Amino acid sequence: MRFFRGMLISGALLAELASAKEVTTQIPVSGMTCGSCAVAVRKGLTPLEGVKKADVSVEQNKATVVYEDSQVTEKQLREAINKTGFKAEVIQ
């Protein structure tokens, strides 16, 4: 029975991993004026569970984030940016 229960847990974990996918999104960010601003936004994003990489460009006014969509949502990414004092714009 113990072996069977482990198989069920492993199967559930495999199913979750199979449904997770790595996504790249670009989020417009307003209010950044310098490199320190970009660093602050990046530091606000990288601790989030599921964020693999965050690049922030002052010149392009955007954050490019690679993340696991099963662990974090784009809405949570925008909220993390907003908490840094900058404005994450919603893509229309």
Protein backbone atom coordinates (compact mmCIF):
# COMPACT_ATOMS: atom_id res chain seq x y z
CA MET A 1 0.00 0.00 0.00
CA ARG A 2 2.83 2.37 0.84
CA PHE A 3 4.37 1.93 -2.62
CA PHE A 4 1.00 2.54 -4.29
CA ARG A 5 0.42 5.74 -2.31
CA GLY A 6 3.86 6.99 -3.37
CA MET A 7 2.98 6.25 -6.98
CA LEU A 8 -0.17 8.37 -6.67
CA ILE A 9 1.76 11.27 -5.22
CA SER A 10 4.43 10.94 -7.89
CA GLY A 11 1.76 10.77 -10.59
CA ALA A 12 0.09 13.91 -9.29
CA LEU A 13 3.43 15.70 -9.21
CA LEU A 14 4.22 14.61 -12.75
CA ALA A 15 0.80 15.77 -13.94
CA GLU A 16 1.37 19.18 -12.36
CA LEU A 17 4.82 19.49 -13.91
CA ALA A 18 3.47 18.47 -17.30
CA SER A 19 0.79 21.17 -17.17
CA ALA A 20 3.24 23.87 -16.04
CA LYS A 21 4.85 25.85 -18.77
CA GLU A 22 7.50 28.50 -18.94
CA VAL A 23 6.08 31.78 -20.21
CA THR A 24 7.79 35.00 -21.25
CA THR A 25 5.86 38.23 -20.91
CA GLN A 26 6.68 41.88 -21.39
CA ILE A 27 5.07 44.31 -18.97
CA PRO A 28 5.19 48.05 -19.68
CA VAL A 29 6.46 49.95 -16.62
CA SER A 30 6.05 53.69 -16.16
CA GLY A 31 7.88 55.98 -13.79
CA MET A 32 11.41 54.59 -14.21
CA THR A 33 14.05 57.25 -14.88
CA CYS A 34 17.39 55.55 -14.18
CA GLY A 35 19.25 52.31 -13.75
CA SER A 36 18.48 52.22 -10.03
CA CYS A 37 14.77 52.22 -10.89
CA ALA A 38 15.26 49.19 -13.11
CA VAL A 39 17.21 47.41 -10.38
CA ALA A 40 14.40 48.09 -7.89
CA VAL A 41 11.79 46.62 -10.26
CA ARG A 42 13.96 43.56 -10.95
CA LYS A 43 14.50 43.03 -7.21
CA GLY A 44 10.73 43.23 -6.72
CA LEU A 45 10.14 40.48 -9.29
CA THR A 46 12.91 37.94 -8.72
CA PRO A 47 11.87 36.74 -5.24
CA LEU A 48 8.46 35.63 -6.52
CA GLU A 49 8.02 31.85 -6.62
CA GLY A 50 8.14 30.74 -10.23
CA VAL A 51 10.06 33.70 -11.65
CA LYS A 52 13.02 32.31 -13.60
CA LYS A 53 14.42 35.56 -14.98
CA ALA A 54 13.56 39.26 -14.95
CA ASP A 55 15.16 41.86 -17.21
CA VAL A 56 14.11 45.47 -16.84
CA SER A 57 14.85 48.20 -19.37
CA VAL A 58 14.57 51.90 -18.52
CA GLU A 59 15.08 52.80 -22.18
CA GLN A 60 12.19 50.61 -23.32
CA ASN A 61 10.08 51.18 -20.18
CA LYS A 62 9.37 47.48 -19.76
CA ALA A 63 10.07 44.38 -17.73
CA THR A 64 10.62 41.10 -19.56
CA VAL A 65 9.85 38.21 -17.22
CA VAL A 66 10.29 34.47 -17.72
CA TYR A 67 8.13 32.51 -15.27
CA GLU A 68 6.32 29.24 -14.60
CA ASP A 69 2.62 29.91 -15.13
CA SER A 70 1.64 27.24 -12.60
CA GLN A 71 3.39 29.15 -9.80
CA VAL A 72 2.77 32.83 -10.50
CA THR A 73 0.36 34.88 -12.62
CA GLU A 74 0.92 37.96 -14.71
CA LYS A 75 -1.36 39.84 -12.32
CA GLN A 76 0.96 38.91 -9.43
CA LEU A 77 3.93 40.13 -11.46
CA ARG A 78 2.23 43.50 -12.03
CA GLU A 79 1.36 43.74 -8.32
CA ALA A 80 5.00 43.09 -7.40
CA ILE A 81 6.10 45.87 -9.77
CA ASN A 82 3.52 48.26 -8.31
CA LYS A 83 4.81 47.53 -4.79
CA THR A 84 8.21 48.91 -5.85
CA GLY A 85 6.62 52.33 -6.43
CA PHE A 86 6.48 52.11 -10.22
CA LYS A 87 3.41 51.50 -12.35
CA ALA A 88 2.94 48.23 -14.21
CA GLU A 89 0.69 48.95 -17.15
CA VAL A 90 -1.94 46.43 -18.26
CA ILE A 91 -1.40 45.27 -21.83
CA GLN A 92 -4.48 46.00 -23.92
